Every structure is written in structure tokens, then in C-alpha cells.
């Protein structure tokens, strides 16, 4: 209980109620994304990272072994297909991870 009151006092002395709520929601969102990422990796599935730095229809696909690919998603009739564009270098992959966390 002491800790909760301390956190409330500390954060509210520097943040408005809305700022505190937004920060709290952002932490929950980040934790949920990390859980989804871990779940995909545990099932040997890639994790999709959307970015406005890529053309529409393209996304970064991060794999459990750490490599990241750029792939394009498109539809053929009712089917969804992907097309490999390229594999990022390790430096590029690190930059993508840092900028999307």
C-alpha cells in the first residue's frame, strides 16, 4: 500500500491525471505486444512489424532467430499471399527493432 501511494504521489506531482493514464496504457500496450511477439516465436511464426517507412503493402517480418525480412502482402482472389523483398542486414534489423519498441 505504501508503494502504491508513493507512486501515485510521485507520478501525480509531475503528471496530470490524463498523462498518467496515457503512460499507464502505453505500458500495458507495450507488454501486450511483447507477449504476442514471444507467442509467435514460440510457435515458430514471424512477427509482423508495420512501418510507415515502407511502401504500402510491405512490412517487416521478424523471425525467432533474429533476422528480419521485408515482405509484401497482396491478395489473389480470396487468398492472401506474401512476396519476399529482401533480408535486412544485422545493423538494419537492430535499427528496426529499436525504432519499433
C-alpha atoms as a PDB file:
ATOM      1  CA  UNK A   1       0.000   0.000   0.000  1.00  0.00           C
ATOM      2  CA  UNK A   2       2.846   2.396   0.816  1.00  0.00           C
ATOM      3  CA  UNK A   3       4.408   1.795  -2.594  1.00  0.00           C
ATOM      4  CA  UNK A   4       1.127   2.457  -4.381  1.00  0.00           C
ATOM      5  CA  UNK A   5       0.648   5.752  -2.520  1.00  0.00           C
ATOM      6  CA  UNK A   6       4.259   6.722  -3.201  1.00  0.00           C
ATOM      7  CA  UNK A   7       3.913   6.001  -6.912  1.00  0.00           C
ATOM      8  CA  UNK A   8       0.615   7.908  -7.013  1.00  0.00           C
ATOM      9  CA  UNK A   9       2.136  10.899  -5.215  1.00  0.00           C
ATOM     10  CA  UNK A  10       5.346  10.849  -7.238  1.00  0.00           C
ATOM     11  CA  UNK A  11       3.751  10.473 -10.651  1.00  0.00           C
ATOM     12  CA  UNK A  12       0.873  12.811  -9.944  1.00  0.00           C
ATOM     13  CA  UNK A  13       3.120  15.542  -8.660  1.00  0.00           C
ATOM     14  CA  UNK A  14       4.743  15.628 -12.116  1.00  0.00           C
ATOM     15  CA  UNK A  15       1.970  14.385 -14.396  1.00  0.00           C
ATOM     16  CA  UNK A  16      -1.645  15.264 -14.943  1.00  0.00           C
ATOM     17  CA  UNK A  17      -4.271  12.576 -14.465  1.00  0.00           C
ATOM     18  CA  UNK A  18      -4.592  12.171 -18.235  1.00  0.00           C
ATOM     19  CA  UNK A  19      -0.815  11.962 -18.741  1.00  0.00           C
ATOM     20  CA  UNK A  20      -0.619   9.304 -16.044  1.00  0.00           C
ATOM     21  CA  UNK A  21      -3.428   7.298 -17.676  1.00  0.00           C
ATOM     22  CA  UNK A  22      -1.811   7.562 -21.119  1.00  0.00           C
ATOM     23  CA  UNK A  23       1.547   6.416 -19.729  1.00  0.00           C
ATOM     24  CA  UNK A  24      -0.162   3.521 -17.968  1.00  0.00           C
ATOM     25  CA  UNK A  25      -1.978   2.463 -21.152  1.00  0.00           C
ATOM     26  CA  UNK A  26       1.246   2.705 -23.183  1.00  0.00           C
ATOM     27  CA  UNK A  27       2.990   0.347 -20.744  1.00  0.00           C
ATOM     28  CA  UNK A  28       0.114  -2.148 -20.996  1.00  0.00           C
ATOM     29  CA  UNK A  29       0.155  -1.909 -24.789  1.00  0.00           C
ATOM     30  CA  UNK A  30       3.927  -2.497 -24.939  1.00  0.00           C
ATOM     31  CA  UNK A  31       3.620  -5.527 -22.630  1.00  0.00           C
ATOM     32  CA  UNK A  32       0.850  -6.971 -24.817  1.00  0.00           C
ATOM     33  CA  UNK A  33       2.927  -6.527 -27.975  1.00  0.00           C
ATOM     34  CA  UNK A  34       5.891  -8.279 -26.340  1.00  0.00           C
ATOM     35  CA  UNK A  35       3.635 -11.196 -25.319  1.00  0.00           C
ATOM     36  CA  UNK A  36       2.328 -11.518 -28.884  1.00  0.00           C
ATOM     37  CA  UNK A  37       5.865 -11.409 -30.249  1.00  0.00           C
ATOM     38  CA  UNK A  38       7.005 -14.138 -27.822  1.00  0.00           C
ATOM     39  CA  UNK A  39       3.924 -16.244 -28.645  1.00  0.00           C
ATOM     40  CA  UNK A  40       4.624 -16.056 -32.370  1.00  0.00           C
ATOM     41  CA  UNK A  41       8.259 -17.002 -31.861  1.00  0.00           C
ATOM     42  CA  UNK A  42       7.304 -19.944 -29.618  1.00  0.00           C
ATOM     43  CA  UNK A  43       5.114 -21.236 -32.475  1.00  0.00           C
ATOM     44  CA  UNK A  44       7.925 -20.682 -34.993  1.00  0.00           C
ATOM     45  CA  UNK A  45       5.953 -17.885 -36.659  1.00  0.00           C
ATOM     46  CA  UNK A  46       7.317 -14.496 -37.722  1.00  0.00           C
ATOM     47  CA  UNK A  47       6.228 -11.297 -36.009  1.00  0.00           C
ATOM     48  CA  UNK A  48       4.897  -8.570 -38.296  1.00  0.00           C
ATOM     49  CA  UNK A  49       6.211  -5.049 -37.732  1.00  0.00           C
ATOM     50  CA  UNK A  50       4.299  -2.412 -39.666  1.00  0.00           C
ATOM     51  CA  UNK A  51       6.125   0.767 -40.582  1.00  0.00           C
ATOM     52  CA  UNK A  52       5.241   3.949 -42.394  1.00  0.00           C
ATOM     53  CA  UNK A  53       8.829   3.939 -43.703  1.00  0.00           C
ATOM     54  CA  UNK A  54       7.924   1.121 -46.108  1.00  0.00           C
ATOM     55  CA  UNK A  55       5.669   1.325 -49.152  1.00  0.00           C
ATOM     56  CA  UNK A  56       2.030   0.395 -48.603  1.00  0.00           C
ATOM     57  CA  UNK A  57       1.526  -3.352 -48.551  1.00  0.00           C
ATOM     58  CA  UNK A  58       5.008  -4.093 -47.217  1.00  0.00           C
ATOM     59  CA  UNK A  59       6.041  -4.988 -43.691  1.00  0.00           C
ATOM     60  CA  UNK A  60       8.989  -6.166 -41.663  1.00  0.00           C
ATOM     61  CA  UNK A  61       8.785  -9.819 -40.637  1.00  0.00           C
ATOM     62  CA  UNK A  62      10.957 -10.645 -37.622  1.00  0.00           C
ATOM     63  CA  UNK A  63      11.843 -14.294 -37.052  1.00  0.00           C
ATOM     64  CA  UNK A  64      12.767 -16.109 -33.841  1.00  0.00           C
ATOM     65  CA  UNK A  65      16.397 -16.472 -34.959  1.00  0.00           C
ATOM     66  CA  UNK A  66      16.641 -12.658 -35.061  1.00  0.00           C
ATOM     67  CA  UNK A  67      16.659 -11.991 -38.780  1.00  0.00           C
ATOM     68  CA  UNK A  68      14.174  -9.584 -40.334  1.00  0.00           C
ATOM     69  CA  UNK A  69      12.810  -9.674 -43.859  1.00  0.00           C
ATOM     70  CA  UNK A  70      10.821  -7.170 -45.840  1.00  0.00           C
ATOM     71  CA  UNK A  71       7.821  -8.853 -47.429  1.00  0.00           C
ATOM     72  CA  UNK A  72       4.939  -7.598 -49.491  1.00  0.00           C
ATOM     73  CA  UNK A  73       1.404  -8.758 -48.727  1.00  0.00           C
ATOM     74  CA  UNK A  74      -1.132  -8.912 -51.531  1.00  0.00           C
ATOM     75  CA  UNK A  75      -4.328 -10.744 -52.404  1.00  0.00           C
ATOM     76  CA  UNK A  76      -5.037 -13.171 -55.208  1.00  0.00           C
ATOM     77  CA  UNK A  77      -8.788 -13.608 -55.244  1.00  0.00           C
ATOM     78  CA  UNK A  78      -9.713 -14.543 -51.673  1.00  0.00           C
ATOM     79  CA  UNK A  79      -6.184 -15.701 -50.814  1.00  0.00           C
ATOM     80  CA  UNK A  80      -3.555 -13.610 -49.049  1.00  0.00           C
ATOM     81  CA  UNK A  81      -0.042 -14.081 -50.412  1.00  0.00           C
ATOM     82  CA  UNK A  82       3.373 -12.730 -49.436  1.00  0.00           C
ATOM     83  CA  UNK A  83       6.348 -11.967 -51.620  1.00  0.00           C
ATOM     84  CA  UNK A  84       9.896 -11.831 -50.262  1.00  0.00           C
ATOM     85  CA  UNK A  85      11.588  -8.481 -50.969  1.00  0.00           C
ATOM     86  CA  UNK A  86      14.884  -8.760 -49.112  1.00  0.00           C
ATOM     87  CA  UNK A  87      16.604  -9.746 -45.874  1.00  0.00           C
ATOM     88  CA  UNK A  88      17.909  -6.905 -43.692  1.00  0.00           C
ATOM     89  CA  UNK A  89      21.499  -6.749 -42.540  1.00  0.00           C
ATOM     90  CA  UNK A  90      22.088  -7.218 -38.805  1.00  0.00           C
ATOM     91  CA  UNK A  91      22.621  -3.463 -38.392  1.00  0.00           C
ATOM     92  CA  UNK A  92      19.380  -2.693 -40.234  1.00  0.00           C
ATOM     93  CA  UNK A  93      17.491  -5.286 -38.166  1.00  0.00           C
ATOM     94  CA  UNK A  94      18.783  -3.774 -34.910  1.00  0.00           C
ATOM     95  CA  UNK A  95      17.712  -0.319 -36.064  1.00  0.00           C
ATOM     96  CA  UNK A  96      14.193  -1.561 -36.918  1.00  0.00           C
ATOM     97  CA  UNK A  97      13.847  -3.272 -33.516  1.00  0.00           C
ATOM     98  CA  UNK A  98      14.982  -0.149 -31.654  1.00  0.00           C
ATOM     99  CA  UNK A  99      12.716   2.185 -33.582  1.00  0.00           C
ATOM    100  CA  UNK A 100       9.609  -0.009 -33.182  1.00  0.00           C
ATOM    101  CA  UNK A 101       9.708  -0.766 -29.466  1.00  0.00           C
END
